[in-house]
Amino acid sequence: MAARTEPPFRADHVGSLLRPRAITEAFKKFNAGEITAEEVTAVQDRAIRDVIALQESVGLESITDGEFRRASYWSTFVERVNGLEISKALFTFHDDHGHEQEFTAPIVTTKVSRTTPIAGDEFDFLKVNTSKTAKTTIVSPPTMHMFRLDQTIEPGIYDSTKDYFADLAQVYREEIKALAEAGSSYIQLDDVPIPMLNDPTVQARVKEDGIDPTQLMNDYIDLFNDCLRDRPDGVTIAVHMCRGNYKGKFLSEGGYETFAEKFFNELNVDAFFLEYDSPRSGDFEPLKYVPKNKIVVLGLVSSKTPQMESQDDLRSRIDEAAQYIDLDQLALSPQCGFASTVAGNPITVDDEKAKLAMIVEVAGKVWG
């Protein structure tokens, strides 16, 4: 096996990283009117340079800005796309102890359109501060619907969800084109809805709203592909599939098998980052449906807990996955980011660094 020279790399990561105290304090002071937006940006710039250095120091080839300019992985999308605001989600996060956490989700208040760059400023700063591959992360298009289902769109805005999806896809096409023109060659779309739809409990909730889960999955795949249909040559597109990640809590559970054959084959992307850090994610058998021209990055390392995985266990699990898919199509990463929101997960920066370093080390042993 040889190391990959283009993304996704044998050792990769999802994107978000733990925000330092300086950033969380800057957000608080800005919201209180104590500092200016320019001062917040200066704090973010310093922190991003530091987190770039952290990633490079452990040997990662793909580098992000840690999503340090965002309050959450989808916040800037809602803030910068015309027509989107937020309201209470129909679902709740929960943990293994039964604790629940409500959250907010996007709603459509006017027709959506891209009137300003969404991730352009993040990429522009990142590309001049690293010599490695700058990775751009963007929230997935189905996220702009799933958390409130057909209650996402306020009355009188669109005649149908299909019309809304058409405008939403145009936003993504314009953003991807602009990012590519700026030099971005590695774009990841962070998706929770597709794994959610594999959960029988979620399927039942979807049916309560009069929506067929299989049709919704078809609609989401069509939406994804419409967003990507004009993507420029030379741009790698990955989809990160997650069951929710908020302060260590999750939104859904269950394996990928219900819709695996469909989304692995019909989604026009180059790679899948798959959550596989706990039994809640199911087994590796659905990987048998992955086409030979697509890469799977196994999210075997938990970003939710400080407990370090065993390198021997990780190598054993990679071997287990390779029973269903060629080892050369595999890579290794955490199952999610370390801070999908500013609050981050219940771990430390030292934990985060140790886990990323371990991923690089294990990938080197497995793939060379």
Protein backbone atom coordinates (compact mmCIF):
# COMPACT_ATOMS: atom_id res chain seq x y z
CA MET A 1 0.00 0.00 0.00
CA ALA A 2 1.15 3.53 -0.76
CA ALA A 3 0.42 6.83 0.92
CA ARG A 4 -2.22 8.89 -0.88
CA THR A 5 -0.87 12.04 -2.51
CA GLU A 6 -4.28 13.61 -3.03
CA PRO A 7 -7.27 13.96 -0.72
CA PRO A 8 -8.67 12.34 1.21
CA PHE A 9 -5.38 11.29 2.78
CA ARG A 10 -4.69 8.05 4.65
CA ALA A 11 -4.73 10.08 7.87
CA ASP A 12 -7.38 12.77 7.69
CA HIS A 13 -9.78 14.60 9.96
CA VAL A 14 -13.28 16.00 9.73
CA GLY A 15 -12.54 19.69 10.28
CA SER A 16 -13.70 21.37 13.47
CA LEU A 17 -11.22 21.65 16.33
CA LEU A 18 -11.50 22.79 19.93
CA ARG A 19 -11.76 26.57 20.18
CA PRO A 20 -9.26 28.19 22.54
CA ARG A 21 -10.57 30.32 25.38
CA ALA A 22 -9.48 33.48 23.53
CA ILE A 23 -12.08 32.81 20.82
CA THR A 24 -14.95 32.00 23.15
CA GLU A 25 -14.17 35.11 25.19
CA ALA A 26 -14.01 37.22 22.02
CA PHE A 27 -17.45 35.99 20.96
CA LYS A 28 -18.87 36.88 24.38
CA LYS A 29 -17.32 40.35 24.36
CA PHE A 30 -18.50 41.03 20.83
CA ASN A 31 -22.07 40.00 21.67
CA ALA A 32 -21.90 42.28 24.70
CA GLY A 33 -20.73 45.18 22.53
CA GLU A 34 -17.35 45.36 24.25
CA ILE A 35 -15.15 44.76 21.18
CA THR A 36 -15.48 45.28 17.43
CA ALA A 37 -15.83 42.71 14.66
CA GLU A 38 -12.30 43.60 13.55
CA GLU A 39 -10.96 42.77 17.00
CA VAL A 40 -12.76 39.41 16.91
CA THR A 41 -11.19 38.67 13.52
CA ALA A 42 -7.72 39.48 14.86
CA VAL A 43 -8.23 37.01 17.72
CA GLN A 44 -9.44 34.37 15.25
CA ASP A 45 -6.49 34.96 12.93
CA ARG A 46 -3.98 34.31 15.72
CA ALA A 47 -5.84 31.21 16.91
CA ILE A 48 -6.14 29.80 13.38
CA ARG A 49 -2.40 30.18 12.78
CA ASP A 50 -1.82 28.25 16.01
CA VAL A 51 -4.24 25.45 15.11
CA ILE A 52 -2.71 25.16 11.63
CA ALA A 53 0.64 24.64 13.35
CA LEU A 54 -0.92 21.99 15.60
CA GLN A 55 -2.23 20.02 12.62
CA GLU A 56 1.05 20.28 10.74
CA SER A 57 3.05 19.26 13.83
CA VAL A 58 1.28 15.89 14.07
CA GLY A 59 1.81 15.16 10.36
CA LEU A 60 -1.62 15.81 8.84
CA GLU A 61 -1.71 16.59 5.11
CA SER A 62 -5.18 18.16 5.07
CA ILE A 63 -5.47 21.35 7.10
CA THR A 64 -8.56 23.27 8.20
CA ASP A 65 -9.03 26.50 10.13
CA GLY A 66 -10.77 24.47 12.85
CA GLU A 67 -14.00 26.28 11.89
CA PHE A 68 -12.81 28.97 14.32
CA ARG A 69 -14.82 31.70 12.59
CA ARG A 70 -18.11 29.86 13.14
CA ALA A 71 -20.42 29.46 16.12
CA SER A 72 -21.35 26.02 14.76
CA TYR A 73 -20.59 23.95 11.67
CA TRP A 74 -23.65 25.41 9.88
CA SER A 75 -23.93 28.88 11.44
CA THR A 76 -22.14 30.92 8.77
CA PHE A 77 -24.18 29.27 6.02
CA VAL A 78 -27.41 30.45 7.62
CA GLU A 79 -25.93 33.88 8.39
CA ARG A 80 -24.64 34.47 4.87
CA VAL A 81 -27.30 32.91 2.63
CA ASN A 82 -30.19 35.22 1.97
CA GLY A 83 -33.55 33.84 3.14
CA LEU A 84 -32.43 31.67 6.07
CA GLU A 85 -33.01 32.15 9.80
CA ILE A 86 -33.31 29.73 12.74
CA SER A 87 -36.04 28.21 14.89
CA LYS A 88 -36.49 25.22 17.21
CA ALA A 89 -35.69 21.82 15.68
CA LEU A 90 -38.18 18.94 15.65
CA PHE A 91 -35.54 16.53 17.01
CA THR A 92 -33.40 16.50 20.17
CA PHE A 93 -29.87 15.41 20.98
CA HIS A 94 -29.49 12.70 23.61
CA ASP A 95 -26.87 10.54 25.26
CA ASP A 96 -26.61 6.98 26.58
CA HIS A 97 -28.02 8.12 29.94
CA GLY A 98 -31.26 9.49 28.51
CA HIS A 99 -30.34 13.16 28.83
CA GLU A 100 -31.81 15.31 26.06
CA GLN A 101 -30.78 18.65 24.56
CA GLU A 102 -32.90 20.83 22.29
CA PHE A 103 -31.29 22.81 19.48
CA THR A 104 -32.14 25.31 16.77
CA ALA A 105 -32.34 24.60 13.06
CA PRO A 106 -32.59 26.55 9.78
CA ILE A 107 -35.90 27.91 8.52
CA VAL A 108 -36.71 29.60 5.21
CA THR A 109 -38.25 33.07 5.53
CA THR A 110 -37.72 34.34 1.96
CA LYS A 111 -36.44 32.79 -1.26
CA VAL A 112 -32.85 31.68 -0.76
CA SER A 113 -29.95 33.08 -2.76
CA ARG A 114 -26.19 33.55 -2.46
CA THR A 115 -25.48 37.25 -2.14
CA THR A 116 -22.05 36.95 -0.49
CA PRO A 117 -19.31 34.30 -0.24
CA ILE A 118 -20.03 31.63 2.38
CA ALA A 119 -16.63 30.07 3.11
CA GLY A 120 -14.44 32.19 0.84
CA ASP A 121 -12.82 34.29 3.56
CA GLU A 122 -12.04 31.16 5.57
CA PHE A 123 -10.31 29.52 2.62
CA ASP A 124 -8.43 32.66 1.58
CA PHE A 125 -6.83 32.97 5.01
CA LEU A 126 -6.13 29.26 5.30
CA LYS A 127 -4.43 28.83 1.93
CA VAL A 128 -1.79 31.52 2.61
CA ASN A 129 -0.98 30.13 6.05
CA THR A 130 -0.31 26.49 5.18
CA SER A 131 1.77 24.71 2.56
CA LYS A 132 -0.37 21.58 2.96
CA THR A 133 -3.77 20.92 1.36
CA ALA A 134 -6.33 23.44 2.60
CA LYS A 135 -9.65 21.73 3.27
CA THR A 136 -12.94 23.62 3.07
CA THR A 137 -15.91 22.35 5.08
CA ILE A 138 -19.52 23.33 4.33
CA VAL A 139 -22.76 22.13 5.86
CA SER A 140 -24.62 19.66 3.61
CA PRO A 141 -27.69 20.76 1.64
CA PRO A 142 -30.13 18.30 3.31
CA THR A 143 -29.27 19.93 6.65
CA MET A 144 -31.21 22.95 5.42
CA HIS A 145 -34.38 20.81 5.56
CA MET A 146 -34.13 17.67 7.73
CA PHE A 147 -34.20 19.15 11.22
CA ARG A 148 -37.63 20.76 10.67
CA LEU A 149 -38.74 18.67 7.67
CA ASP A 150 -41.50 20.40 5.69
CA GLN A 151 -41.95 22.89 8.54
CA THR A 152 -38.62 24.38 7.37
CA ILE A 153 -40.33 26.64 4.84
CA GLU A 154 -42.61 29.37 6.11
CA PRO A 155 -45.98 29.62 4.29
CA GLY A 156 -46.11 31.50 0.99
CA ILE A 157 -42.37 31.36 0.22
CA TYR A 158 -42.21 28.37 -2.15
CA ASP A 159 -44.93 26.40 -3.93
CA SER A 160 -43.09 23.15 -3.10
CA THR A 161 -40.03 21.75 -1.37
CA LYS A 162 -38.73 20.87 -4.83
CA ASP A 163 -38.71 24.57 -5.77
CA TYR A 164 -36.83 25.39 -2.55
CA PHE A 165 -34.27 22.66 -3.27
CA ALA A 166 -33.69 24.08 -6.76
CA ASP A 167 -32.76 27.49 -5.34
CA LEU A 168 -30.68 25.89 -2.59
CA ALA A 169 -28.71 23.88 -5.15
CA GLN A 170 -27.96 27.07 -7.06
CA VAL A 171 -26.45 28.54 -3.89
CA TYR A 172 -24.11 25.55 -3.57
CA ARG A 173 -23.11 25.58 -7.23
CA GLU A 174 -22.19 29.24 -7.03
CA GLU A 175 -20.20 28.76 -3.81
CA ILE A 176 -18.30 25.70 -5.06
CA LYS A 177 -17.46 27.48 -8.31
CA ALA A 178 -16.16 30.52 -6.40
CA LEU A 179 -14.11 28.38 -4.03
CA ALA A 180 -12.57 26.46 -6.93
CA GLU A 181 -11.67 29.71 -8.68
CA ALA A 182 -9.94 30.83 -5.47
CA GLY A 183 -7.88 27.62 -5.49
CA SER A 184 -9.86 25.30 -3.22
CA SER A 185 -9.37 21.70 -4.32
CA TYR A 186 -10.77 19.79 -1.32
CA ILE A 187 -14.35 20.42 -0.18
CA GLN A 188 -16.24 18.42 2.41
CA LEU A 189 -20.00 18.56 2.93
CA ASP A 190 -20.99 17.72 6.51
CA ASP A 191 -24.19 15.67 6.59
CA VAL A 192 -26.39 14.39 9.43
CA PRO A 193 -29.71 13.75 7.57
CA ILE A 194 -28.63 10.68 5.57
CA PRO A 195 -27.44 8.71 8.63
CA MET A 196 -30.54 9.89 10.51
CA LEU A 197 -32.79 8.40 7.85
CA ASN A 198 -31.26 4.97 8.54
CA ASP A 199 -32.63 5.12 12.11
CA PRO A 200 -36.08 3.44 12.48
CA THR A 201 -37.05 5.94 15.20
CA VAL A 202 -36.29 8.85 12.89
CA GLN A 203 -38.10 7.14 10.03
CA ALA A 204 -41.19 6.91 12.24
CA ARG A 205 -40.93 10.64 13.06
CA VAL A 206 -40.62 11.48 9.36
CA LYS A 207 -43.72 9.42 8.60
CA GLU A 208 -45.63 11.36 11.26
CA ASP A 209 -45.12 14.42 9.08
CA GLY A 210 -46.62 12.57 6.11
CA ILE A 211 -43.25 12.05 4.40
CA ASP A 212 -42.02 8.74 3.02
CA PRO A 213 -38.42 8.16 4.26
CA THR A 214 -37.37 6.41 1.06
CA GLN A 215 -38.67 9.24 -1.09
CA LEU A 216 -36.96 11.76 1.19
CA MET A 217 -33.66 9.89 0.77
CA ASN A 218 -34.13 9.99 -3.00
CA ASP A 219 -34.86 13.72 -2.82
CA TYR A 220 -31.75 14.35 -0.73
CA ILE A 221 -29.52 12.43 -3.13
CA ASP A 222 -31.00 14.38 -6.05
CA LEU A 223 -30.39 17.61 -4.11
CA PHE A 224 -26.77 16.68 -3.43
CA ASN A 225 -26.16 15.84 -7.07
CA ASP A 226 -27.85 19.01 -8.29
CA CYS A 227 -25.52 21.01 -6.01
CA LEU A 228 -22.49 19.24 -7.51
CA ARG A 229 -23.46 18.88 -11.16
CA ASP A 230 -21.27 21.75 -12.42
CA ARG A 231 -18.33 21.26 -10.08
CA PRO A 232 -15.00 22.14 -11.68
CA ASP A 233 -12.38 19.55 -12.57
CA GLY A 234 -9.69 19.01 -9.98
CA VAL A 235 -11.96 19.48 -6.96
CA THR A 236 -12.31 16.51 -4.58
CA ILE A 237 -15.74 16.37 -2.95
CA ALA A 238 -16.21 14.37 0.24
CA VAL A 239 -19.31 13.83 2.36
CA HIS A 240 -18.98 13.41 6.10
CA MET A 241 -21.84 11.35 7.52
CA CYS A 242 -22.55 11.90 11.21
CA ARG A 243 -25.29 10.97 13.67
CA GLY A 244 -25.04 14.32 15.43
CA ASN A 245 -22.30 15.71 17.64
CA TYR A 246 -23.14 18.24 20.34
CA LYS A 247 -21.19 18.24 23.61
CA GLY A 248 -20.79 14.48 23.20
CA LYS A 249 -24.50 13.87 22.48
CA PHE A 250 -26.02 12.38 19.30
CA LEU A 251 -29.21 12.64 17.22
CA SER A 252 -29.65 9.13 15.84
CA GLU A 253 -28.31 5.60 15.89
CA GLY A 254 -28.23 2.54 13.68
CA GLY A 255 -26.09 1.25 10.83
CA TYR A 256 -25.92 2.39 7.21
CA GLU A 257 -27.49 -0.71 5.70
CA THR A 258 -31.01 0.61 4.98
CA PHE A 259 -29.90 2.99 2.23
CA ALA A 260 -26.21 2.10 1.81
CA GLU A 261 -26.41 0.66 -1.71
CA LYS A 262 -28.32 3.73 -2.86
CA PHE A 263 -26.22 6.54 -1.43
CA PHE A 264 -22.83 4.90 -1.97
CA ASN A 265 -23.59 4.42 -5.65
CA GLU A 266 -25.83 7.36 -6.49
CA LEU A 267 -24.17 10.23 -4.62
CA ASN A 268 -21.76 11.81 -7.10
CA VAL A 269 -18.91 12.37 -4.64
CA ASP A 270 -15.36 11.09 -4.37
CA ALA A 271 -15.21 10.05 -0.74
CA PHE A 272 -17.24 9.28 2.37
CA PHE A 273 -16.17 10.06 5.92
CA LEU A 274 -18.16 7.51 7.95
CA GLU A 275 -18.83 7.52 11.67
CA TYR A 276 -17.70 4.16 13.08
CA ASP A 277 -16.53 4.89 16.62
CA SER A 278 -19.18 2.91 18.51
CA PRO A 279 -21.60 -0.02 18.05
CA ARG A 280 -24.29 2.64 17.50
CA SER A 281 -22.95 3.01 13.94
CA GLY A 282 -23.50 -0.61 12.97
CA ASP A 283 -21.05 -2.97 11.28
CA PHE A 284 -18.87 -2.73 8.17
CA GLU A 285 -20.93 -4.96 5.88
CA PRO A 286 -22.59 -2.00 4.06
CA LEU A 287 -19.12 -1.10 2.72
CA LYS A 288 -19.54 -3.92 0.20
CA TYR A 289 -21.71 -1.52 -1.82
CA VAL A 290 -19.00 1.16 -2.22
CA PRO A 291 -17.89 1.48 -5.88
CA LYS A 292 -14.22 0.91 -6.69
CA ASN A 293 -13.69 4.57 -7.61
CA LYS A 294 -14.68 5.96 -4.20
CA ILE A 295 -12.73 6.28 -0.94
CA VAL A 296 -14.07 5.56 2.55
CA VAL A 297 -12.46 7.31 5.51
CA LEU A 298 -13.19 5.21 8.59
CA GLY A 299 -14.13 7.37 11.59
CA LEU A 300 -12.84 4.90 14.17
CA VAL A 301 -11.42 7.40 16.66
CA SER A 302 -13.91 9.14 18.93
CA SER A 303 -13.90 12.92 19.19
CA LYS A 304 -16.53 12.70 21.96
CA THR A 305 -14.41 11.19 24.73
CA PRO A 306 -10.84 11.64 26.04
CA GLN A 307 -10.30 7.88 26.24
CA MET A 308 -7.54 6.90 23.82
CA GLU A 309 -8.22 4.05 21.44
CA SER A 310 -5.78 1.15 21.22
CA GLN A 311 -3.65 1.19 18.09
CA ASP A 312 -3.95 -2.58 17.86
CA ASP A 313 -7.74 -2.30 18.05
CA LEU A 314 -7.77 0.33 15.31
CA ARG A 315 -5.64 -1.82 13.02
CA SER A 316 -7.88 -4.81 13.75
CA ARG A 317 -10.99 -2.81 12.87
CA ILE A 318 -9.40 -1.59 9.63
CA ASP A 319 -8.66 -5.22 8.75
CA GLU A 320 -12.28 -6.08 9.55
CA ALA A 321 -13.55 -3.33 7.24
CA ALA A 322 -11.20 -4.59 4.51
CA GLN A 323 -13.21 -7.81 4.38
CA TYR A 324 -15.90 -5.82 2.56
CA ILE A 325 -13.91 -3.17 0.65
CA ASP A 326 -10.41 -3.02 -0.81
CA LEU A 327 -7.88 -1.80 1.79
CA ASP A 328 -6.55 0.64 -0.80
CA GLN A 329 -9.95 2.40 -0.76
CA LEU A 330 -9.73 3.07 2.98
CA ALA A 331 -8.31 5.79 5.19
CA LEU A 332 -8.58 6.75 8.89
CA SER A 333 -9.99 9.74 10.81
CA PRO A 334 -11.96 10.73 13.90
CA GLN A 335 -15.67 9.98 13.61
CA CYS A 336 -16.50 13.71 13.69
CA GLY A 337 -15.02 17.08 14.43
CA PHE A 338 -13.92 17.95 17.95
CA ALA A 339 -16.14 21.02 18.17
CA SER A 340 -19.23 21.10 15.96
CA THR A 341 -20.19 24.14 18.04
CA VAL A 342 -18.15 26.74 19.94
CA ALA A 343 -18.74 24.79 23.17
CA GLY A 344 -16.80 21.81 21.83
CA ASN A 345 -16.76 18.24 23.07
CA PRO A 346 -15.80 17.18 26.64
CA ILE A 347 -12.10 16.66 25.92
CA THR A 348 -8.93 18.77 26.10
CA VAL A 349 -6.63 20.15 23.40
CA ASP A 350 -3.98 17.65 24.55
CA ASP A 351 -6.50 14.83 24.01
CA GLU A 352 -7.32 16.20 20.57
CA LYS A 353 -3.67 16.46 19.57
CA ALA A 354 -2.88 12.96 20.88
CA LYS A 355 -5.77 11.45 18.90
CA LEU A 356 -4.78 13.20 15.68
CA ALA A 357 -1.15 12.12 16.13
CA MET A 358 -2.26 8.54 16.75
CA ILE A 359 -4.32 8.56 13.54
CA VAL A 360 -1.26 9.65 11.57
CA GLU A 361 0.86 6.96 13.24
CA VAL A 362 -1.64 4.17 12.66
CA ALA A 363 -2.19 5.19 9.04
CA GLY A 364 1.57 5.07 8.49
CA LYS A 365 1.72 1.53 9.88
CA VAL A 366 -1.25 0.32 7.81
CA TRP A 367 -0.64 2.01 4.47
CA GLY A 368 3.01 3.05 4.57
